C-alpha atoms as a PDB file:
ATOM      1  CA  UNK A   1       0.000   0.000   0.000  1.00  0.00           C
ATOM      2  CA  UNK A   2       1.239   3.496  -0.866  1.00  0.00           C
ATOM      3  CA  UNK A   3       1.295   5.656   2.261  1.00  0.00           C
ATOM      4  CA  UNK A   4       0.430   9.367   2.052  1.00  0.00           C
ATOM      5  CA  UNK A   5       3.329  10.119   4.420  1.00  0.00           C
ATOM      6  CA  UNK A   6       6.981   9.239   4.500  1.00  0.00           C
ATOM      7  CA  UNK A   7       7.245   7.030   7.561  1.00  0.00           C
ATOM      8  CA  UNK A   8      10.668   6.893   9.238  1.00  0.00           C
ATOM      9  CA  UNK A   9      12.345   3.481   9.373  1.00  0.00           C
ATOM     10  CA  UNK A  10      12.472   3.805  13.149  1.00  0.00           C
ATOM     11  CA  UNK A  11       8.693   3.571  13.264  1.00  0.00           C
ATOM     12  CA  UNK A  12       8.681   0.302  11.349  1.00  0.00           C
ATOM     13  CA  UNK A  13      11.392  -1.080  13.620  1.00  0.00           C
ATOM     14  CA  UNK A  14       9.323  -0.236  16.662  1.00  0.00           C
ATOM     15  CA  UNK A  15       6.145  -1.637  15.148  1.00  0.00           C
ATOM     16  CA  UNK A  16       7.902  -4.913  14.302  1.00  0.00           C
ATOM     17  CA  UNK A  17       8.720  -5.561  17.957  1.00  0.00           C
ATOM     18  CA  UNK A  18       5.437  -4.158  19.320  1.00  0.00           C
ATOM     19  CA  UNK A  19       2.955  -6.325  17.401  1.00  0.00           C
ATOM     20  CA  UNK A  20       2.451  -3.660  14.689  1.00  0.00           C
ATOM     21  CA  UNK A  21       1.679  -0.925  17.247  1.00  0.00           C
ATOM     22  CA  UNK A  22       3.277   2.445  17.945  1.00  0.00           C
ATOM     23  CA  UNK A  23       2.480   5.299  20.289  1.00  0.00           C
ATOM     24  CA  UNK A  24       2.023   8.952  19.421  1.00  0.00           C
ATOM     25  CA  UNK A  25       5.062   9.820  21.554  1.00  0.00           C
ATOM     26  CA  UNK A  26       7.193   7.330  19.629  1.00  0.00           C
ATOM     27  CA  UNK A  27       6.005   8.883  16.367  1.00  0.00           C
ATOM     28  CA  UNK A  28       6.917  12.362  17.587  1.00  0.00           C
ATOM     29  CA  UNK A  29      10.361  11.190  18.701  1.00  0.00           C
ATOM     30  CA  UNK A  30      10.937   9.710  15.243  1.00  0.00           C
ATOM     31  CA  UNK A  31       9.901  12.945  13.509  1.00  0.00           C
ATOM     32  CA  UNK A  32       6.359  11.989  12.535  1.00  0.00           C
ATOM     33  CA  UNK A  33       3.994  14.755  13.636  1.00  0.00           C
ATOM     34  CA  UNK A  34       0.542  14.217  15.095  1.00  0.00           C
ATOM     35  CA  UNK A  35      -0.928  15.798  11.972  1.00  0.00           C
ATOM     36  CA  UNK A  36       0.890  13.253   9.808  1.00  0.00           C
ATOM     37  CA  UNK A  37      -0.427  10.459  12.026  1.00  0.00           C
ATOM     38  CA  UNK A  38      -3.952  11.839  11.656  1.00  0.00           C
ATOM     39  CA  UNK A  39      -3.581  11.787   7.869  1.00  0.00           C
ATOM     40  CA  UNK A  40      -2.419   8.149   8.008  1.00  0.00           C
ATOM     41  CA  UNK A  41      -5.528   7.277   9.989  1.00  0.00           C
ATOM     42  CA  UNK A  42      -7.836   9.136   7.604  1.00  0.00           C
ATOM     43  CA  UNK A  43      -6.304   7.347   4.632  1.00  0.00           C
ATOM     44  CA  UNK A  44      -6.926   3.943   6.222  1.00  0.00           C
ATOM     45  CA  UNK A  45      -3.228   3.098   6.356  1.00  0.00           C
ATOM     46  CA  UNK A  46      -3.222   3.186  10.167  1.00  0.00           C
ATOM     47  CA  UNK A  47      -5.921   2.607  12.793  1.00  0.00           C
ATOM     48  CA  UNK A  48      -6.369   4.366  16.104  1.00  0.00           C
ATOM     49  CA  UNK A  49      -6.610   1.661  18.795  1.00  0.00           C
ATOM     50  CA  UNK A  50      -7.010   3.861  21.863  1.00  0.00           C
ATOM     51  CA  UNK A  51      -5.882   7.311  22.818  1.00  0.00           C
ATOM     52  CA  UNK A  52      -2.275   7.723  21.737  1.00  0.00           C
ATOM     53  CA  UNK A  53      -1.877   4.190  20.292  1.00  0.00           C
ATOM     54  CA  UNK A  54      -1.971   3.288  16.593  1.00  0.00           C
ATOM     55  CA  UNK A  55      -1.927   0.063  14.600  1.00  0.00           C
ATOM     56  CA  UNK A  56       0.362   0.366  11.581  1.00  0.00           C
ATOM     57  CA  UNK A  57      -1.040  -2.733   9.865  1.00  0.00           C
ATOM     58  CA  UNK A  58      -3.949  -1.946   7.515  1.00  0.00           C
ATOM     59  CA  UNK A  59      -5.295  -5.514   7.731  1.00  0.00           C
ATOM     60  CA  UNK A  60      -8.012  -5.918  10.392  1.00  0.00           C
ATOM     61  CA  UNK A  61      -6.756  -8.009  13.302  1.00  0.00           C
ATOM     62  CA  UNK A  62      -9.146 -10.933  12.786  1.00  0.00           C
ATOM     63  CA  UNK A  63      -8.178 -11.166   9.104  1.00  0.00           C
ATOM     64  CA  UNK A  64      -4.434 -11.396   9.669  1.00  0.00           C
ATOM     65  CA  UNK A  65      -2.863 -14.632   8.496  1.00  0.00           C
ATOM     66  CA  UNK A  66      -0.053 -15.574  10.866  1.00  0.00           C
ATOM     67  CA  UNK A  67       1.226 -18.883  12.217  1.00  0.00           C
ATOM     68  CA  UNK A  68       1.264 -17.264  15.664  1.00  0.00           C
ATOM     69  CA  UNK A  69      -2.102 -15.540  15.280  1.00  0.00           C
ATOM     70  CA  UNK A  70      -3.475 -16.243  18.777  1.00  0.00           C
ATOM     71  CA  UNK A  71      -0.183 -15.342  20.444  1.00  0.00           C
ATOM     72  CA  UNK A  72      -0.062 -12.196  18.308  1.00  0.00           C
ATOM     73  CA  UNK A  73      -3.518 -11.146  19.513  1.00  0.00           C
ATOM     74  CA  UNK A  74      -2.550 -11.725  23.151  1.00  0.00           C
ATOM     75  CA  UNK A  75       0.779  -9.914  22.882  1.00  0.00           C
ATOM     76  CA  UNK A  76      -0.924  -7.109  20.982  1.00  0.00           C
ATOM     77  CA  UNK A  77      -3.267  -6.578  23.940  1.00  0.00           C
ATOM     78  CA  UNK A  78      -0.264  -6.329  26.239  1.00  0.00           C
ATOM     79  CA  UNK A  79       1.417  -3.754  24.002  1.00  0.00           C
ATOM     80  CA  UNK A  80      -1.753  -1.668  23.769  1.00  0.00           C
ATOM     81  CA  UNK A  81      -1.601  -1.278  27.531  1.00  0.00           C
ATOM     82  CA  UNK A  82       2.121  -0.542  27.628  1.00  0.00           C
ATOM     83  CA  UNK A  83       1.936   2.049  24.860  1.00  0.00           C
ATOM     84  CA  UNK A  84      -1.166   3.697  26.298  1.00  0.00           C
ATOM     85  CA  UNK A  85       0.650   4.244  29.598  1.00  0.00           C
ATOM     86  CA  UNK A  86       4.337   5.191  29.198  1.00  0.00           C
ATOM     87  CA  UNK A  87       4.878   4.490  32.908  1.00  0.00           C
ATOM     88  CA  UNK A  88       2.839   1.279  32.924  1.00  0.00           C
ATOM     89  CA  UNK A  89       3.969  -2.234  33.789  1.00  0.00           C
ATOM     90  CA  UNK A  90       2.378  -5.251  32.069  1.00  0.00           C
ATOM     91  CA  UNK A  91       0.590  -7.439  34.613  1.00  0.00           C
ATOM     92  CA  UNK A  92      -1.488 -10.597  34.866  1.00  0.00           C
ATOM     93  CA  UNK A  93      -2.486 -12.244  31.615  1.00  0.00           C
ATOM     94  CA  UNK A  94      -0.756  -9.574  29.535  1.00  0.00           C
ATOM     95  CA  UNK A  95       2.532 -10.134  31.368  1.00  0.00           C
ATOM     96  CA  UNK A  96       2.140 -13.895  30.884  1.00  0.00           C
ATOM     97  CA  UNK A  97       1.512 -13.396  27.149  1.00  0.00           C
ATOM     98  CA  UNK A  98       4.727 -11.397  26.771  1.00  0.00           C
ATOM     99  CA  UNK A  99       6.602 -13.993  28.830  1.00  0.00           C
ATOM    100  CA  UNK A 100       5.424 -16.760  26.497  1.00  0.00           C
ATOM    101  CA  UNK A 101       3.279 -18.701  28.977  1.00  0.00           C
ATOM    102  CA  UNK A 102       0.632 -20.990  27.476  1.00  0.00           C
ATOM    103  CA  UNK A 103      -2.959 -21.679  28.488  1.00  0.00           C
ATOM    104  CA  UNK A 104      -4.226 -18.105  28.216  1.00  0.00           C
ATOM    105  CA  UNK A 105      -7.591 -17.020  26.774  1.00  0.00           C
ATOM    106  CA  UNK A 106      -7.625 -16.287  23.056  1.00  0.00           C
ATOM    107  CA  UNK A 107      -8.287 -12.618  23.848  1.00  0.00           C
ATOM    108  CA  UNK A 108      -7.076 -10.467  26.720  1.00  0.00           C
ATOM    109  CA  UNK A 109      -7.952  -7.025  28.011  1.00  0.00           C
ATOM    110  CA  UNK A 110      -4.953  -4.673  27.876  1.00  0.00           C
ATOM    111  CA  UNK A 111      -3.904  -4.315  31.501  1.00  0.00           C
ATOM    112  CA  UNK A 112      -1.112  -2.543  33.341  1.00  0.00           C
ATOM    113  CA  UNK A 113      -0.203  -1.352  36.785  1.00  0.00           C
ATOM    114  CA  UNK A 114       1.174   2.148  37.352  1.00  0.00           C
ATOM    115  CA  UNK A 115       3.506   3.629  39.988  1.00  0.00           C
ATOM    116  CA  UNK A 116       1.905   4.743  43.233  1.00  0.00           C
ATOM    117  CA  UNK A 117      -1.405   3.192  42.135  1.00  0.00           C
ATOM    118  CA  UNK A 118      -2.052   6.070  39.754  1.00  0.00           C
ATOM    119  CA  UNK A 119      -5.473   5.593  38.144  1.00  0.00           C
ATOM    120  CA  UNK A 120      -6.206   8.977  36.607  1.00  0.00           C
ATOM    121  CA  UNK A 121      -6.824   9.239  32.872  1.00  0.00           C
ATOM    122  CA  UNK A 122      -7.815   5.634  32.106  1.00  0.00           C
ATOM    123  CA  UNK A 123      -7.540   4.958  28.368  1.00  0.00           C
ATOM    124  CA  UNK A 124     -10.641   3.483  26.700  1.00  0.00           C
ATOM    125  CA  UNK A 125     -10.494  -0.291  26.388  1.00  0.00           C
ATOM    126  CA  UNK A 126      -7.725  -0.726  28.962  1.00  0.00           C
ATOM    127  CA  UNK A 127      -7.600  -1.847  32.590  1.00  0.00           C
ATOM    128  CA  UNK A 128      -5.490  -0.389  35.390  1.00  0.00           C
ATOM    129  CA  UNK A 129      -4.622  -2.748  38.258  1.00  0.00           C
ATOM    130  CA  UNK A 130      -3.627  -1.766  41.791  1.00  0.00           C
ATOM    131  CA  UNK A 131      -0.757  -3.996  42.860  1.00  0.00           C
ATOM    132  CA  UNK A 132       1.657  -1.577  44.510  1.00  0.00           C
ATOM    133  CA  UNK A 133       5.282  -2.515  43.813  1.00  0.00           C
ATOM    134  CA  UNK A 134       6.529  -5.913  42.637  1.00  0.00           C
ATOM    135  CA  UNK A 135       9.614  -7.273  40.830  1.00  0.00           C
ATOM    136  CA  UNK A 136       9.737  -6.810  37.077  1.00  0.00           C
ATOM    137  CA  UNK A 137      11.694  -8.087  34.086  1.00  0.00           C
ATOM    138  CA  UNK A 138      12.407  -6.361  30.804  1.00  0.00           C
ATOM    139  CA  UNK A 139      10.639  -7.163  27.544  1.00  0.00           C
ATOM    140  CA  UNK A 140      11.141  -5.013  24.472  1.00  0.00           C
ATOM    141  CA  UNK A 141      12.492  -2.231  26.643  1.00  0.00           C
ATOM    142  CA  UNK A 142       9.427  -2.196  28.919  1.00  0.00           C
ATOM    143  CA  UNK A 143       8.701  -3.490  32.416  1.00  0.00           C
ATOM    144  CA  UNK A 144       6.750  -6.734  32.764  1.00  0.00           C
ATOM    145  CA  UNK A 145       5.723  -8.407  36.026  1.00  0.00           C
ATOM    146  CA  UNK A 146       8.120 -11.172  37.067  1.00  0.00           C
ATOM    147  CA  UNK A 147       6.725 -14.626  36.281  1.00  0.00           C
ATOM    148  CA  UNK A 148       5.576 -15.784  39.731  1.00  0.00           C
ATOM    149  CA  UNK A 149       3.964 -12.414  40.426  1.00  0.00           C
ATOM    150  CA  UNK A 150       2.319 -12.463  36.982  1.00  0.00           C
ATOM    151  CA  UNK A 151       0.905 -15.940  37.709  1.00  0.00           C
ATOM    152  CA  UNK A 152      -0.484 -14.731  41.043  1.00  0.00           C
ATOM    153  CA  UNK A 153      -2.035 -11.705  39.331  1.00  0.00           C
ATOM    154  CA  UNK A 154      -3.502 -13.935  36.623  1.00  0.00           C
ATOM    155  CA  UNK A 155      -4.959 -16.263  39.227  1.00  0.00           C
ATOM    156  CA  UNK A 156      -6.998 -13.330  40.521  1.00  0.00           C
ATOM    157  CA  UNK A 157      -8.118 -11.974  37.154  1.00  0.00           C
ATOM    158  CA  UNK A 158      -8.297 -14.803  34.597  1.00  0.00           C
ATOM    159  CA  UNK A 159     -11.096 -17.373  34.244  1.00  0.00           C
ATOM    160  CA  UNK A 160     -10.402 -20.502  36.322  1.00  0.00           C
ATOM    161  CA  UNK A 161      -9.506 -22.773  33.381  1.00  0.00           C
ATOM    162  CA  UNK A 162      -6.947 -20.369  31.973  1.00  0.00           C
ATOM    163  CA  UNK A 163      -5.499 -19.371  35.336  1.00  0.00           C
ATOM    164  CA  UNK A 164      -4.895 -23.031  36.195  1.00  0.00           C
ATOM    165  CA  UNK A 165      -3.635 -23.870  32.696  1.00  0.00           C
ATOM    166  CA  UNK A 166      -1.104 -21.037  32.749  1.00  0.00           C
ATOM    167  CA  UNK A 167       0.367 -22.195  36.065  1.00  0.00           C
ATOM    168  CA  UNK A 168       0.425 -25.808  34.835  1.00  0.00           C
ATOM    169  CA  UNK A 169       2.215 -24.676  31.666  1.00  0.00           C
ATOM    170  CA  UNK A 170       4.881 -22.809  33.632  1.00  0.00           C
ATOM    171  CA  UNK A 171       5.335 -25.798  35.949  1.00  0.00           C
ATOM    172  CA  UNK A 172       5.564 -28.304  33.096  1.00  0.00           C
ATOM    173  CA  UNK A 173       8.130 -26.194  31.265  1.00  0.00           C
ATOM    174  CA  UNK A 174      10.242 -25.913  34.471  1.00  0.00           C
ATOM    175  CA  UNK A 175       9.836 -22.154  34.514  1.00  0.00           C
ATOM    176  CA  UNK A 176       8.632 -22.436  38.085  1.00  0.00           C
ATOM    177  CA  UNK A 177       8.992 -25.193  40.689  1.00  0.00           C
ATOM    178  CA  UNK A 178       6.608 -26.668  43.247  1.00  0.00           C
ATOM    179  CA  UNK A 179       7.901 -24.269  45.892  1.00  0.00           C
ATOM    180  CA  UNK A 180       6.781 -21.339  43.727  1.00  0.00           C
ATOM    181  CA  UNK A 181       3.174 -22.436  44.181  1.00  0.00           C
ATOM    182  CA  UNK A 182       3.594 -21.515  47.826  1.00  0.00           C
ATOM    183  CA  UNK A 183       4.823 -18.092  46.744  1.00  0.00           C
ATOM    184  CA  UNK A 184       1.747 -17.656  44.568  1.00  0.00           C
ATOM    185  CA  UNK A 185      -0.460 -18.613  47.511  1.00  0.00           C
ATOM    186  CA  UNK A 186       1.271 -16.005  49.680  1.00  0.00           C
ATOM    187  CA  UNK A 187       1.035 -13.302  47.025  1.00  0.00           C
ATOM    188  CA  UNK A 188      -2.737 -13.619  46.668  1.00  0.00           C
ATOM    189  CA  UNK A 189      -3.288 -13.585  50.435  1.00  0.00           C
ATOM    190  CA  UNK A 190      -5.607 -10.771  51.416  1.00  0.00           C
ATOM    191  CA  UNK A 191      -6.423  -9.793  47.834  1.00  0.00           C
ATOM    192  CA  UNK A 192      -9.990  -9.270  46.672  1.00  0.00           C
ATOM    193  CA  UNK A 193     -11.453 -12.543  45.388  1.00  0.00           C
ATOM    194  CA  UNK A 194      -8.828 -14.760  47.034  1.00  0.00           C
ATOM    195  CA  UNK A 195     -11.396 -16.963  48.798  1.00  0.00           C
ATOM    196  CA  UNK A 196     -12.861 -18.016  45.453  1.00  0.00           C
ATOM    197  CA  UNK A 197      -9.565 -18.631  43.641  1.00  0.00           C
ATOM    198  CA  UNK A 198      -7.405 -20.177  46.388  1.00  0.00           C
ATOM    199  CA  UNK A 199      -8.854 -23.702  45.790  1.00  0.00           C
ATOM    200  CA  UNK A 200      -7.785 -23.445  42.143  1.00  0.00           C
ATOM    201  CA  UNK A 201      -4.177 -23.967  43.213  1.00  0.00           C
ATOM    202  CA  UNK A 202      -5.122 -27.494  44.297  1.00  0.00           C
ATOM    203  CA  UNK A 203      -5.978 -28.200  40.647  1.00  0.00           C
ATOM    204  CA  UNK A 204      -2.448 -27.425  39.447  1.00  0.00           C
ATOM    205  CA  UNK A 205      -0.233 -30.278  38.277  1.00  0.00           C
ATOM    206  CA  UNK A 206       2.845 -30.623  36.125  1.00  0.00           C
ATOM    207  CA  UNK A 207       1.560 -33.806  34.470  1.00  0.00           C
ATOM    208  CA  UNK A 208      -0.627 -32.141  31.842  1.00  0.00           C
ATOM    209  CA  UNK A 209       1.241 -32.260  28.531  1.00  0.00           C
ATOM    210  CA  UNK A 210      -0.543 -29.213  27.116  1.00  0.00           C
ATOM    211  CA  UNK A 211      -3.136 -26.583  28.028  1.00  0.00           C
ATOM    212  CA  UNK A 212      -5.707 -28.704  26.162  1.00  0.00           C
ATOM    213  CA  UNK A 213      -5.019 -31.567  28.569  1.00  0.00           C
ATOM    214  CA  UNK A 214      -5.442 -29.197  31.497  1.00  0.00           C
ATOM    215  CA  UNK A 215      -8.857 -28.140  30.177  1.00  0.00           C
ATOM    216  CA  UNK A 216      -9.846 -31.796  29.681  1.00  0.00           C
ATOM    217  CA  UNK A 217      -8.672 -32.782  33.177  1.00  0.00           C
ATOM    218  CA  UNK A 218     -10.628 -29.923  34.733  1.00  0.00           C
ATOM    219  CA  UNK A 219     -13.704 -31.120  32.860  1.00  0.00           C
ATOM    220  CA  UNK A 220     -13.224 -34.635  34.287  1.00  0.00           C
ATOM    221  CA  UNK A 221     -12.873 -33.205  37.800  1.00  0.00           C
ATOM    222  CA  UNK A 222     -15.972 -31.057  37.357  1.00  0.00           C
ATOM    223  CA  UNK A 223     -17.992 -34.147  36.360  1.00  0.00           C
ATOM    224  CA  UNK A 224     -16.774 -36.300  39.249  1.00  0.00           C
ATOM    225  CA  UNK A 225     -14.404 -38.552  37.298  1.00  0.00           C
ATOM    226  CA  UNK A 226     -10.852 -37.379  38.065  1.00  0.00           C
ATOM    227  CA  UNK A 227      -8.340 -39.561  36.185  1.00  0.00           C
ATOM    228  CA  UNK A 228      -6.902 -42.587  37.982  1.00  0.00           C
ATOM    229  CA  UNK A 229      -3.650 -41.894  36.142  1.00  0.00           C
ATOM    230  CA  UNK A 230      -2.005 -39.509  33.690  1.00  0.00           C
ATOM    231  CA  UNK A 231       0.738 -40.021  31.132  1.00  0.00           C
ATOM    232  CA  UNK A 232       0.485 -43.775  31.672  1.00  0.00           C
ATOM    233  CA  UNK A 233       2.719 -46.097  29.627  1.00  0.00           C
ATOM    234  CA  UNK A 234       1.060 -49.389  28.603  1.00  0.00           C
ATOM    235  CA  UNK A 235       3.298 -52.411  27.947  1.00  0.00           C
ATOM    236  CA  UNK A 236       2.531 -55.916  26.698  1.00  0.00           C
ATOM    237  CA  UNK A 237       4.902 -58.734  25.798  1.00  0.00           C
ATOM    238  CA  UNK A 238       7.871 -56.564  26.613  1.00  0.00           C
ATOM    239  CA  UNK A 239       6.755 -53.972  24.070  1.00  0.00           C
ATOM    240  CA  UNK A 240       5.604 -50.410  24.708  1.00  0.00           C
ATOM    241  CA  UNK A 241       2.149 -50.057  23.199  1.00  0.00           C
ATOM    242  CA  UNK A 242       1.881 -46.362  23.923  1.00  0.00           C
ATOM    243  CA  UNK A 243       1.717 -43.637  26.546  1.00  0.00           C
ATOM    244  CA  UNK A 244      -1.762 -42.225  27.032  1.00  0.00           C
ATOM    245  CA  UNK A 245      -2.966 -38.884  28.339  1.00  0.00           C
ATOM    246  CA  UNK A 246      -5.536 -40.123  30.900  1.00  0.00           C
ATOM    247  CA  UNK A 247      -6.515 -43.536  32.230  1.00  0.00           C
ATOM    248  CA  UNK A 248      -9.130 -45.132  34.494  1.00  0.00           C
ATOM    249  CA  UNK A 249      -9.229 -48.767  35.660  1.00  0.00           C
ATOM    250  CA  UNK A 250     -12.497 -50.703  35.660  1.00  0.00           C
ATOM    251  CA  UNK A 251     -13.516 -53.331  38.250  1.00  0.00           C
ATOM    252  CA  UNK A 252     -13.099 -56.101  35.645  1.00  0.00           C
ATOM    253  CA  UNK A 253      -9.454 -55.166  35.047  1.00  0.00           C
ATOM    254  CA  UNK A 254      -9.963 -53.301  31.798  1.00  0.00           C
ATOM    255  CA  UNK A 255      -8.836 -49.728  31.271  1.00  0.00           C
ATOM    256  CA  UNK A 256     -10.530 -46.703  29.767  1.00  0.00           C
ATOM    257  CA  UNK A 257      -8.035 -44.277  28.295  1.00  0.00           C
ATOM    258  CA  UNK A 258      -8.625 -40.835  26.848  1.00  0.00           C
ATOM    259  CA  UNK A 259      -6.394 -39.275  24.238  1.00  0.00           C
ATOM    260  CA  UNK A 260      -6.605 -35.564  23.484  1.00  0.00           C
ATOM    261  CA  UNK A 261      -6.011 -34.790  19.833  1.00  0.00           C
ATOM    262  CA  UNK A 262      -3.132 -32.319  19.939  1.00  0.00           C
ATOM    263  CA  UNK A 263      -3.446 -30.927  16.420  1.00  0.00           C
ATOM    264  CA  UNK A 264      -4.215 -27.507  17.856  1.00  0.00           C
ATOM    265  CA  UNK A 265      -0.788 -27.489  19.459  1.00  0.00           C
ATOM    266  CA  UNK A 266       1.233 -29.791  17.203  1.00  0.00           C
ATOM    267  CA  UNK A 267       0.753 -30.682  13.583  1.00  0.00           C
ATOM    268  CA  UNK A 268       2.016 -32.961  10.897  1.00  0.00           C
ATOM    269  CA  UNK A 269       1.203 -36.312   9.278  1.00  0.00           C
ATOM    270  CA  UNK A 270       3.950 -37.974  11.312  1.00  0.00           C
ATOM    271  CA  UNK A 271       2.127 -37.177  14.538  1.00  0.00           C
ATOM    272  CA  UNK A 272      -1.204 -38.429  13.196  1.00  0.00           C
ATOM    273  CA  UNK A 273       0.377 -41.670  11.996  1.00  0.00           C
ATOM    274  CA  UNK A 274       1.997 -42.160  15.392  1.00  0.00           C
ATOM    275  CA  UNK A 275      -1.365 -41.611  17.112  1.00  0.00           C
ATOM    276  CA  UNK A 276      -3.019 -44.196  14.855  1.00  0.00           C
ATOM    277  CA  UNK A 277      -0.302 -46.779  15.503  1.00  0.00           C
ATOM    278  CA  UNK A 278      -0.524 -46.212  19.246  1.00  0.00           C
ATOM    279  CA  UNK A 279      -4.322 -46.509  19.267  1.00  0.00           C
ATOM    280  CA  UNK A 280      -4.285 -49.709  17.198  1.00  0.00           C
ATOM    281  CA  UNK A 281      -1.754 -51.264  19.552  1.00  0.00           C
ATOM    282  CA  UNK A 282      -3.829 -50.475  22.606  1.00  0.00           C
ATOM    283  CA  UNK A 283      -7.187 -51.546  21.176  1.00  0.00           C
ATOM    284  CA  UNK A 284      -5.684 -54.815  19.942  1.00  0.00           C
ATOM    285  CA  UNK A 285      -5.200 -56.029  23.506  1.00  0.00           C
ATOM    286  CA  UNK A 286      -8.971 -56.205  24.257  1.00  0.00           C
ATOM    287  CA  UNK A 287      -8.194 -54.734  27.676  1.00  0.00           C
ATOM    288  CA  UNK A 288      -8.139 -51.079  26.725  1.00  0.00           C
ATOM    289  CA  UNK A 289     -11.062 -48.905  25.633  1.00  0.00           C
ATOM    290  CA  UNK A 290      -9.761 -45.843  23.798  1.00  0.00           C
ATOM    291  CA  UNK A 291     -11.713 -42.591  23.617  1.00  0.00           C
ATOM    292  CA  UNK A 292     -10.354 -39.668  21.573  1.00  0.00           C
ATOM    293  CA  UNK A 293     -11.401 -36.045  21.640  1.00  0.00           C
ATOM    294  CA  UNK A 294     -10.304 -32.903  19.803  1.00  0.00           C
ATOM    295  CA  UNK A 295      -8.311 -30.375  21.816  1.00  0.00           C
ATOM    296  CA  UNK A 296     -10.765 -28.343  23.941  1.00  0.00           C
ATOM    297  CA  UNK A 297     -10.493 -24.571  24.335  1.00  0.00           C
ATOM    298  CA  UNK A 298     -11.747 -24.713  27.940  1.00  0.00           C
ATOM    299  CA  UNK A 299     -13.246 -27.220  30.353  1.00  0.00           C
ATOM    300  CA  UNK A 300     -16.788 -26.927  28.945  1.00  0.00           C
ATOM    301  CA  UNK A 301     -15.841 -27.065  25.256  1.00  0.00           C
ATOM    302  CA  UNK A 302     -17.040 -30.314  23.697  1.00  0.00           C
ATOM    303  CA  UNK A 303     -18.575 -31.685  26.928  1.00  0.00           C
ATOM    304  CA  UNK A 304     -15.580 -34.017  27.290  1.00  0.00           C
ATOM    305  CA  UNK A 305     -16.064 -34.553  31.007  1.00  0.00           C
ATOM    306  CA  UNK A 306     -19.760 -35.326  30.612  1.00  0.00           C
ATOM    307  CA  UNK A 307     -19.151 -37.864  27.845  1.00  0.00           C
ATOM    308  CA  UNK A 308     -16.391 -39.648  29.742  1.00  0.00           C
ATOM    309  CA  UNK A 309     -18.393 -39.647  32.991  1.00  0.00           C
ATOM    310  CA  UNK A 310     -21.377 -41.243  31.259  1.00  0.00           C
ATOM    311  CA  UNK A 311     -19.174 -43.952  29.714  1.00  0.00           C
ATOM    312  CA  UNK A 312     -17.336 -44.673  32.967  1.00  0.00           C
ATOM    313  CA  UNK A 313     -20.531 -44.930  35.016  1.00  0.00           C
ATOM    314  CA  UNK A 314     -22.071 -47.238  32.404  1.00  0.00           C
ATOM    315  CA  UNK A 315     -18.985 -49.479  32.608  1.00  0.00           C
ATOM    316  CA  UNK A 316     -19.138 -49.599  36.404  1.00  0.00           C
ATOM    317  CA  UNK A 317     -16.057 -47.503  37.220  1.00  0.00           C
ATOM    318  CA  UNK A 318     -15.498 -46.793  40.901  1.00  0.00           C
ATOM    319  CA  UNK A 319     -13.431 -43.872  42.217  1.00  0.00           C
ATOM    320  CA  UNK A 320     -10.492 -44.207  44.555  1.00  0.00           C
ATOM    321  CA  UNK A 321      -8.035 -46.300  42.540  1.00  0.00           C
ATOM    322  CA  UNK A 322      -4.658 -44.937  41.464  1.00  0.00           C
ATOM    323  CA  UNK A 323      -2.780 -46.033  38.358  1.00  0.00           C
ATOM    324  CA  UNK A 324       0.989 -45.766  38.356  1.00  0.00           C
ATOM    325  CA  UNK A 325       3.069 -44.432  35.471  1.00  0.00           C
ATOM    326  CA  UNK A 326       3.531 -47.922  33.951  1.00  0.00           C
ATOM    327  CA  UNK A 327       0.944 -50.666  33.332  1.00  0.00           C
ATOM    328  CA  UNK A 328       1.924 -54.157  32.165  1.00  0.00           C
ATOM    329  CA  UNK A 329      -1.156 -55.659  30.580  1.00  0.00           C
ATOM    330  CA  UNK A 330       0.294 -59.185  30.707  1.00  0.00           C
ATOM    331  CA  UNK A 331       1.556 -58.818  34.282  1.00  0.00           C
END
């Protein structure tokens, strides 16, 4: 597209690292006047996102074709907040998006915290949080809440499924350790809403292999059928038949296993072929019932928990049994 203004290269450099966004102060510093910015908006080349923040990409957000589209949308929300408030610090879900933590909602509200709890002049479409002072890290030259603090903030502001999934993701990727869960618990102490969210920490585990598995597990818990085992390896005749996502043992010695289709998180024919081989090996034993579901976006998506609960109750499953990490079907 031919722009009606000559845009300094510095602006494009900034936009490239800020999810296509720039602030009016950055434009002024680069020599692009507010009148020039206004002409870019009128021509349709740029879009005003909120006061003092502009999107330099002419393609509407939902029409952008990017391999990292959902991450782009989340990071973009974080940058809207940071650019709207020059003294702002990215917090909660926005901080987690910039830090590369998984399990977040597909869309986030731009949110920041400001020094001394300043809340005057709130920009439309943004949220100001009151957290006082907390440790920060640098991202793109801006302050972002340190990971454990960001997880604690997210626990208080995100929906349950995503708050739990984000902590599980950080734990699985060894970005936090079990002791950090105690820090999160301490950080939310006395905060508004803590009574409701504190039990969510008991739902955190490092065994979920993806946010989709976290959402599925939460659905099982909600429907009264928590898994007897996770990431269970099934062996027969000295051969590994496969490692499954979730497993339950029936009174007659058979197993019900659930596999979550990970195509939302991984792709490729090799993976699909591997899944088919694994399923065929398990079903061929006559002792394993395999159920497969597409990756859910939250615990209610697809009614996974309801479907599994109905099947387990019909088969006579009883709660209270634990399955170890390895099952020998011929043992």
